[in-house]
Amino acid sequence: MKIKIINKSTHELPNYETLASAGMDLRANLSESRVLKPLERSIVGTGLFIELPVGYEAQVRPRSGLAAKKGVTVLNAPGTIDADYRGEIGVILVNLSNEDFTIQNGERIAQIVIAKHERAEWELVEELTETDRGEGGFGSTGVK
């Protein structure tokens, strides 16, 4: 599948690093580095604009290495980019560590996954089919 993209950054286009990779890294597009203090959040631009086909979304997800090593993650993970959005791809980063984190221009800050999705239609009913789980909520399927 081909997706139209405009690149207003000075960085290479996102790409798959291996044959089996699901995501492509997104890079910060900054005129100068930005400090993210502990518990601070910021929208970081990428300089990328895309045109997805209807029936697809782009999911913006954290990079596991950045989260594990620096405590920096994507706040609304996964962030959804809809097929009709034409603005710049921005990444909402949050610093969950106890130390300042400096975001450098070109730094890999998140990953993007292109996914097909379905559109649902609600069917209003008075009751739902019974299951073994029933109304069991969070943690209800764990070992007892």
N, C-alpha and C. Protein backbone atom coordinates (compact mmCIF):
# COMPACT_ATOMS: atom_id res chain seq x y z
N MET A 1 0.84 -1.17 0.00
CA MET A 1 0.00 0.00 0.00
C MET A 1 0.89 1.24 0.00
N LYS A 2 0.51 2.24 -0.74
CA LYS A 2 1.24 3.50 -0.78
C LYS A 2 0.42 4.56 -0.06
N ILE A 3 1.12 5.37 0.74
CA ILE A 3 0.49 6.45 1.48
C ILE A 3 1.18 7.74 1.09
N LYS A 4 0.40 8.74 0.70
CA LYS A 4 0.96 10.05 0.36
C LYS A 4 1.50 10.71 1.61
N ILE A 5 2.69 11.33 1.49
CA ILE A 5 3.32 11.97 2.64
C ILE A 5 4.04 13.24 2.18
N ILE A 6 3.94 14.28 3.00
CA ILE A 6 4.73 15.49 2.82
C ILE A 6 5.71 15.54 3.98
N ASN A 7 6.97 15.80 3.65
CA ASN A 7 8.02 15.86 4.67
C ASN A 7 8.59 17.28 4.71
N LYS A 8 8.20 18.03 5.74
CA LYS A 8 8.71 19.40 5.91
C LYS A 8 9.86 19.44 6.91
N SER A 9 10.33 18.27 7.32
CA SER A 9 11.49 18.20 8.21
C SER A 9 12.74 18.01 7.36
N THR A 10 13.88 17.99 8.02
CA THR A 10 15.14 17.71 7.33
C THR A 10 15.54 16.25 7.52
N HIS A 11 14.65 15.45 8.06
CA HIS A 11 14.95 14.06 8.40
C HIS A 11 14.40 13.11 7.34
N GLU A 12 14.95 11.91 7.33
CA GLU A 12 14.48 10.89 6.40
C GLU A 12 13.05 10.50 6.74
N LEU A 13 12.36 9.93 5.77
CA LEU A 13 11.01 9.44 6.01
C LEU A 13 11.05 8.27 6.99
N PRO A 14 9.98 8.08 7.76
CA PRO A 14 9.91 6.89 8.61
C PRO A 14 10.03 5.64 7.74
N ASN A 15 10.69 4.62 8.27
CA ASN A 15 10.80 3.37 7.52
C ASN A 15 10.83 2.19 8.48
N TYR A 16 10.59 1.02 7.93
CA TYR A 16 10.64 -0.20 8.72
C TYR A 16 12.10 -0.62 8.85
N GLU A 17 12.56 -0.82 10.09
CA GLU A 17 13.96 -1.16 10.33
C GLU A 17 14.27 -2.62 10.00
N THR A 18 13.27 -3.50 10.12
CA THR A 18 13.46 -4.91 9.78
C THR A 18 12.26 -5.38 8.97
N LEU A 19 12.39 -6.53 8.36
CA LEU A 19 11.33 -7.10 7.55
C LEU A 19 10.05 -7.33 8.36
N ALA A 20 10.19 -7.66 9.65
CA ALA A 20 9.03 -7.99 10.47
C ALA A 20 8.56 -6.82 11.35
N SER A 21 9.14 -5.65 11.20
CA SER A 21 8.74 -4.50 12.02
C SER A 21 7.31 -4.08 11.70
N ALA A 22 6.53 -3.79 12.75
CA ALA A 22 5.17 -3.29 12.58
C ALA A 22 5.14 -1.77 12.55
N GLY A 23 6.09 -1.15 13.24
CA GLY A 23 6.10 0.30 13.35
C GLY A 23 7.32 0.93 12.71
N MET A 24 7.18 2.24 12.43
CA MET A 24 8.27 3.04 11.88
C MET A 24 8.51 4.19 12.85
N ASP A 25 9.77 4.51 13.08
CA ASP A 25 10.10 5.56 14.04
C ASP A 25 9.74 6.95 13.51
N LEU A 26 9.21 7.78 14.41
CA LEU A 26 8.95 9.19 14.14
C LEU A 26 10.03 10.01 14.82
N ARG A 27 10.50 11.05 14.15
CA ARG A 27 11.58 11.89 14.68
C ARG A 27 11.06 13.28 15.03
N ALA A 28 11.63 13.86 16.09
CA ALA A 28 11.29 15.23 16.49
C ALA A 28 11.78 16.20 15.43
N ASN A 29 10.94 17.15 15.07
CA ASN A 29 11.31 18.20 14.13
C ASN A 29 11.32 19.51 14.91
N LEU A 30 12.49 19.88 15.42
CA LEU A 30 12.62 21.05 16.30
C LEU A 30 13.67 22.01 15.76
N SER A 31 13.43 23.30 15.94
CA SER A 31 14.43 24.29 15.56
C SER A 31 15.52 24.39 16.62
N GLU A 32 15.19 24.00 17.86
CA GLU A 32 16.17 23.92 18.94
C GLU A 32 15.70 22.86 19.92
N SER A 33 16.63 22.31 20.69
CA SER A 33 16.27 21.25 21.63
C SER A 33 15.26 21.79 22.64
N ARG A 34 14.49 20.87 23.22
CA ARG A 34 13.44 21.23 24.17
C ARG A 34 13.59 20.37 25.41
N VAL A 35 13.54 21.00 26.59
CA VAL A 35 13.64 20.26 27.85
C VAL A 35 12.24 19.92 28.34
N LEU A 36 12.07 18.65 28.66
CA LEU A 36 10.82 18.16 29.23
C LEU A 36 11.11 17.83 30.69
N LYS A 37 10.56 18.61 31.60
CA LYS A 37 10.80 18.42 33.03
C LYS A 37 9.97 17.23 33.54
N PRO A 38 10.30 16.70 34.71
CA PRO A 38 9.53 15.59 35.27
C PRO A 38 8.03 15.92 35.32
N LEU A 39 7.22 14.99 34.86
CA LEU A 39 5.76 15.07 34.79
C LEU A 39 5.24 16.13 33.82
N GLU A 40 6.13 16.74 33.04
CA GLU A 40 5.71 17.71 32.03
C GLU A 40 5.37 16.98 30.73
N ARG A 41 4.44 17.57 29.99
CA ARG A 41 4.06 17.01 28.69
C ARG A 41 4.19 18.10 27.64
N SER A 42 4.37 17.67 26.39
CA SER A 42 4.54 18.62 25.30
C SER A 42 4.18 17.93 23.99
N ILE A 43 3.58 18.70 23.08
CA ILE A 43 3.33 18.18 21.74
C ILE A 43 4.57 18.49 20.91
N VAL A 44 5.16 17.45 20.35
CA VAL A 44 6.38 17.58 19.56
C VAL A 44 6.04 17.30 18.10
N GLY A 45 6.30 18.28 17.25
CA GLY A 45 6.03 18.12 15.83
C GLY A 45 7.03 17.20 15.15
N THR A 46 6.60 16.61 14.04
CA THR A 46 7.47 15.72 13.27
C THR A 46 7.79 16.28 11.89
N GLY A 47 7.04 17.29 11.45
CA GLY A 47 7.22 17.82 10.10
C GLY A 47 6.59 16.94 9.04
N LEU A 48 5.83 15.93 9.46
CA LEU A 48 5.21 14.98 8.52
C LEU A 48 3.71 15.21 8.43
N PHE A 49 3.19 15.10 7.22
CA PHE A 49 1.77 15.23 6.93
C PHE A 49 1.42 14.05 6.02
N ILE A 50 0.34 13.32 6.35
CA ILE A 50 0.01 12.13 5.56
C ILE A 50 -1.43 12.15 5.09
N GLU A 51 -1.69 11.36 4.07
CA GLU A 51 -3.04 11.15 3.53
C GLU A 51 -3.29 9.66 3.50
N LEU A 52 -4.04 9.20 4.50
CA LEU A 52 -4.37 7.78 4.61
C LEU A 52 -5.61 7.44 3.79
N PRO A 53 -5.67 6.23 3.26
CA PRO A 53 -6.91 5.79 2.60
C PRO A 53 -8.01 5.59 3.65
N VAL A 54 -9.26 5.83 3.28
CA VAL A 54 -10.39 5.57 4.16
C VAL A 54 -10.36 4.10 4.55
N GLY A 55 -10.61 3.81 5.81
CA GLY A 55 -10.55 2.43 6.31
C GLY A 55 -9.24 2.12 7.01
N TYR A 56 -8.33 3.12 7.05
CA TYR A 56 -7.04 2.96 7.73
C TYR A 56 -6.85 4.07 8.75
N GLU A 57 -6.06 3.79 9.75
CA GLU A 57 -5.65 4.78 10.73
C GLU A 57 -4.15 4.63 10.92
N ALA A 58 -3.54 5.68 11.45
CA ALA A 58 -2.15 5.60 11.87
C ALA A 58 -2.15 5.71 13.38
N GLN A 59 -1.48 4.77 14.06
CA GLN A 59 -1.40 4.78 15.51
C GLN A 59 -0.02 5.28 15.92
N VAL A 60 0.00 6.29 16.78
CA VAL A 60 1.26 6.81 17.31
C VAL A 60 1.48 6.15 18.66
N ARG A 61 2.59 5.43 18.78
CA ARG A 61 2.86 4.63 19.98
C ARG A 61 4.22 4.98 20.57
N PRO A 62 4.41 4.65 21.84
CA PRO A 62 5.71 4.90 22.46
C PRO A 62 6.80 4.03 21.85
N ARG A 63 8.03 4.50 21.98
CA ARG A 63 9.20 3.67 21.67
C ARG A 63 9.59 3.01 22.99
N SER A 64 9.66 1.70 23.00
CA SER A 64 9.91 0.98 24.25
C SER A 64 11.26 1.35 24.87
N GLY A 65 12.28 1.57 24.05
CA GLY A 65 13.59 1.94 24.59
C GLY A 65 13.57 3.28 25.29
N LEU A 66 12.88 4.26 24.72
CA LEU A 66 12.78 5.58 25.33
C LEU A 66 12.01 5.51 26.65
N ALA A 67 10.96 4.71 26.67
CA ALA A 67 10.17 4.55 27.89
C ALA A 67 10.97 3.83 28.98
N ALA A 68 11.63 2.74 28.61
CA ALA A 68 12.36 1.95 29.60
C ALA A 68 13.61 2.65 30.11
N LYS A 69 14.35 3.29 29.22
CA LYS A 69 15.63 3.90 29.61
C LYS A 69 15.49 5.31 30.17
N LYS A 70 14.51 6.08 29.69
CA LYS A 70 14.40 7.49 30.09
C LYS A 70 13.09 7.84 30.79
N GLY A 71 12.11 6.93 30.79
CA GLY A 71 10.84 7.23 31.42
C GLY A 71 9.98 8.19 30.63
N VAL A 72 10.24 8.30 29.31
CA VAL A 72 9.49 9.21 28.44
C VAL A 72 8.61 8.36 27.53
N THR A 73 7.33 8.73 27.46
CA THR A 73 6.39 7.93 26.70
C THR A 73 5.36 8.82 26.00
N VAL A 74 4.53 8.20 25.19
CA VAL A 74 3.45 8.91 24.51
C VAL A 74 2.25 8.92 25.46
N LEU A 75 1.75 10.11 25.75
CA LEU A 75 0.72 10.26 26.78
C LEU A 75 -0.59 9.60 26.41
N ASN A 76 -1.05 9.73 25.20
CA ASN A 76 -2.35 9.19 24.80
C ASN A 76 -2.19 7.93 23.95
N ALA A 77 -1.28 7.07 24.34
CA ALA A 77 -0.94 5.91 23.53
C ALA A 77 -2.06 4.88 23.49
N PRO A 78 -2.40 4.37 22.31
CA PRO A 78 -1.91 4.92 21.06
C PRO A 78 -2.74 6.13 20.62
N GLY A 79 -2.07 7.11 20.10
CA GLY A 79 -2.76 8.24 19.50
C GLY A 79 -3.24 7.84 18.12
N THR A 80 -4.42 8.27 17.74
CA THR A 80 -4.99 7.89 16.46
C THR A 80 -4.96 9.04 15.47
N ILE A 81 -4.47 8.77 14.28
CA ILE A 81 -4.54 9.73 13.18
C ILE A 81 -5.57 9.17 12.21
N ASP A 82 -6.66 9.92 12.03
CA ASP A 82 -7.74 9.48 11.15
C ASP A 82 -7.42 9.76 9.69
N ALA A 83 -8.11 9.06 8.81
CA ALA A 83 -7.86 9.18 7.37
C ALA A 83 -8.18 10.57 6.83
N ASP A 84 -9.02 11.34 7.50
CA ASP A 84 -9.37 12.66 6.99
C ASP A 84 -8.54 13.79 7.62
N TYR A 85 -7.57 13.45 8.48
CA TYR A 85 -6.71 14.48 9.09
C TYR A 85 -5.58 14.83 8.14
N ARG A 86 -5.33 16.13 7.95
CA ARG A 86 -4.29 16.57 7.03
C ARG A 86 -3.24 17.45 7.70
N GLY A 87 -3.32 17.63 9.01
CA GLY A 87 -2.35 18.45 9.72
C GLY A 87 -1.05 17.70 10.00
N GLU A 88 -0.13 18.40 10.62
CA GLU A 88 1.16 17.81 10.97
C GLU A 88 0.97 16.73 12.03
N ILE A 89 1.71 15.64 11.89
CA ILE A 89 1.70 14.60 12.91
C ILE A 89 2.46 15.15 14.11
N GLY A 90 1.78 15.21 15.24
CA GLY A 90 2.39 15.64 16.49
C GLY A 90 2.37 14.49 17.47
N VAL A 91 3.34 14.47 18.36
CA VAL A 91 3.45 13.41 19.36
C VAL A 91 3.34 14.05 20.73
N ILE A 92 2.38 13.59 21.55
CA ILE A 92 2.25 14.11 22.91
C ILE A 92 3.17 13.29 23.81
N LEU A 93 4.32 13.86 24.13
CA LEU A 93 5.28 13.19 25.00
C LEU A 93 5.07 13.62 26.44
N VAL A 94 5.30 12.70 27.37
CA VAL A 94 5.28 13.00 28.79
C VAL A 94 6.52 12.39 29.44
N ASN A 95 7.10 13.13 30.35
CA ASN A 95 8.29 12.67 31.07
C ASN A 95 7.84 12.14 32.43
N LEU A 96 7.84 10.84 32.58
CA LEU A 96 7.42 10.20 33.83
C LEU A 96 8.60 9.91 34.75
N SER A 97 9.77 10.37 34.39
CA SER A 97 10.96 10.15 35.22
C SER A 97 11.11 11.28 36.23
N ASN A 98 12.13 11.19 37.05
CA ASN A 98 12.44 12.22 38.04
C ASN A 98 13.51 13.19 37.54
N GLU A 99 13.91 13.05 36.29
CA GLU A 99 14.98 13.88 35.74
C GLU A 99 14.50 14.60 34.48
N ASP A 100 15.09 15.78 34.22
CA ASP A 100 14.80 16.48 32.97
C ASP A 100 15.19 15.60 31.79
N PHE A 101 14.44 15.71 30.71
CA PHE A 101 14.77 15.00 29.48
C PHE A 101 14.84 16.02 28.36
N THR A 102 15.95 16.03 27.64
CA THR A 102 16.12 16.97 26.53
C THR A 102 15.81 16.27 25.22
N ILE A 103 14.84 16.82 24.50
CA ILE A 103 14.46 16.30 23.20
C ILE A 103 15.31 17.02 22.16
N GLN A 104 16.05 16.26 21.38
CA GLN A 104 16.91 16.82 20.36
C GLN A 104 16.23 16.74 18.99
N ASN A 105 16.52 17.69 18.13
CA ASN A 105 16.03 17.64 16.76
C ASN A 105 16.51 16.33 16.11
N GLY A 106 15.60 15.62 15.50
CA GLY A 106 15.93 14.36 14.82
C GLY A 106 15.88 13.14 15.71
N GLU A 107 15.66 13.34 17.00
CA GLU A 107 15.59 12.20 17.91
C GLU A 107 14.35 11.36 17.64
N ARG A 108 14.51 10.05 17.72
CA ARG A 108 13.37 9.14 17.54
C ARG A 108 12.52 9.20 18.80
N ILE A 109 11.29 9.71 18.68
CA ILE A 109 10.46 9.96 19.85
C ILE A 109 9.24 9.06 19.97
N ALA A 110 8.86 8.40 18.91
CA ALA A 110 7.67 7.54 18.92
C ALA A 110 7.73 6.64 17.70
N GLN A 111 6.74 5.79 17.58
CA GLN A 111 6.64 5.00 16.36
C GLN A 111 5.22 5.10 15.83
N ILE A 112 5.09 4.87 14.54
CA ILE A 112 3.79 4.95 13.88
C ILE A 112 3.49 3.58 13.25
N VAL A 113 2.26 3.13 13.47
CA VAL A 113 1.79 1.85 12.92
C VAL A 113 0.56 2.15 12.08
N ILE A 114 0.54 1.67 10.86
CA ILE A 114 -0.61 1.83 9.97
C ILE A 114 -1.49 0.60 10.14
N ALA A 115 -2.78 0.84 10.44
CA ALA A 115 -3.68 -0.28 10.72
C ALA A 115 -5.02 -0.10 10.01
N LYS A 116 -5.53 -1.21 9.52
CA LYS A 116 -6.87 -1.23 8.91
C LYS A 116 -7.88 -1.30 10.05
N HIS A 117 -9.02 -0.67 9.85
CA HIS A 117 -10.05 -0.74 10.89
C HIS A 117 -11.42 -0.88 10.24
N GLU A 118 -12.36 -1.30 11.04
CA GLU A 118 -13.75 -1.46 10.59
C GLU A 118 -14.60 -0.34 11.19
N ARG A 119 -15.70 -0.04 10.54
CA ARG A 119 -16.67 0.91 11.10
C ARG A 119 -17.81 0.08 11.66
N ALA A 120 -18.21 0.39 12.88
CA ALA A 120 -19.27 -0.36 13.55
C ALA A 120 -20.60 0.38 13.46
N GLU A 121 -21.65 -0.38 13.53
CA GLU A 121 -22.99 0.18 13.59
C GLU A 121 -23.64 -0.38 14.85
N TRP A 122 -24.17 0.50 15.70
CA TRP A 122 -24.77 0.06 16.95
C TRP A 122 -26.12 -0.61 16.69
N GLU A 123 -26.38 -1.68 17.42
CA GLU A 123 -27.68 -2.34 17.41
C GLU A 123 -28.20 -2.29 18.84
N LEU A 124 -29.20 -1.46 19.10
CA LEU A 124 -29.75 -1.28 20.43
C LEU A 124 -30.58 -2.51 20.80
N VAL A 125 -30.23 -3.15 21.94
CA VAL A 125 -30.94 -4.34 22.42
C VAL A 125 -31.27 -4.17 23.90
N GLU A 126 -32.07 -5.06 24.44
CA GLU A 126 -32.44 -5.03 25.86
C GLU A 126 -31.54 -5.91 26.71
N GLU A 127 -30.88 -6.91 26.10
CA GLU A 127 -29.98 -7.77 26.86
C GLU A 127 -28.89 -8.32 25.95
N LEU A 128 -27.79 -8.75 26.57
CA LEU A 128 -26.65 -9.30 25.85
C LEU A 128 -26.54 -10.79 26.10
N THR A 129 -25.87 -11.50 25.21
CA THR A 129 -25.66 -12.93 25.36
C THR A 129 -24.84 -13.21 26.62
N GLU A 130 -25.22 -14.23 27.37
CA GLU A 130 -24.50 -14.63 28.59
C GLU A 130 -23.15 -15.26 28.23
N THR A 131 -22.15 -15.03 29.07
CA THR A 131 -20.83 -15.66 28.93
C THR A 131 -20.37 -16.14 30.30
N ASP A 132 -19.32 -16.96 30.33
CA ASP A 132 -18.76 -17.41 31.61
C ASP A 132 -18.24 -16.23 32.42
N ARG A 133 -17.66 -15.26 31.76
CA ARG A 133 -17.10 -14.10 32.46
C ARG A 133 -18.19 -13.18 32.99
N GLY A 134 -19.24 -13.02 32.21
CA GLY A 134 -20.34 -12.15 32.63
C GLY A 134 -19.89 -10.71 32.80
N GLU A 135 -20.19 -10.13 33.94
CA GLU A 135 -19.86 -8.73 34.22
C GLU A 135 -18.53 -8.57 34.93
N GLY A 136 -17.74 -9.62 35.02
CA GLY A 136 -16.43 -9.55 35.68
C GLY A 136 -15.56 -8.50 35.01
N GLY A 137 -15.05 -7.58 35.79
CA GLY A 137 -14.29 -6.45 35.25
C GLY A 137 -12.79 -6.65 35.32
N PHE A 138 -12.09 -5.58 35.61
CA PHE A 138 -10.63 -5.55 35.62
C PHE A 138 -10.05 -6.66 36.48
N GLY A 139 -9.21 -7.49 35.87
CA GLY A 139 -8.54 -8.56 36.60
C GLY A 139 -9.38 -9.78 36.87
N SER A 140 -10.59 -9.81 36.35
CA SER A 140 -11.49 -10.92 36.66
C SER A 140 -11.15 -12.21 35.95
N THR A 141 -10.27 -12.16 34.93
CA THR A 141 -9.94 -13.39 34.20
C THR A 141 -8.61 -13.98 34.67
N GLY A 142 -8.00 -13.40 35.68
CA GLY A 142 -6.71 -13.88 36.18
C GLY A 142 -6.85 -15.17 36.97
N VAL A 143 -5.71 -15.75 37.32
CA VAL A 143 -5.68 -16.98 38.10
C VAL A 143 -6.17 -16.69 39.51
N LYS A 144 -7.02 -17.59 40.02
CA LYS A 144 -7.59 -17.39 41.37
C LYS A 144 -6.85 -18.19 42.39
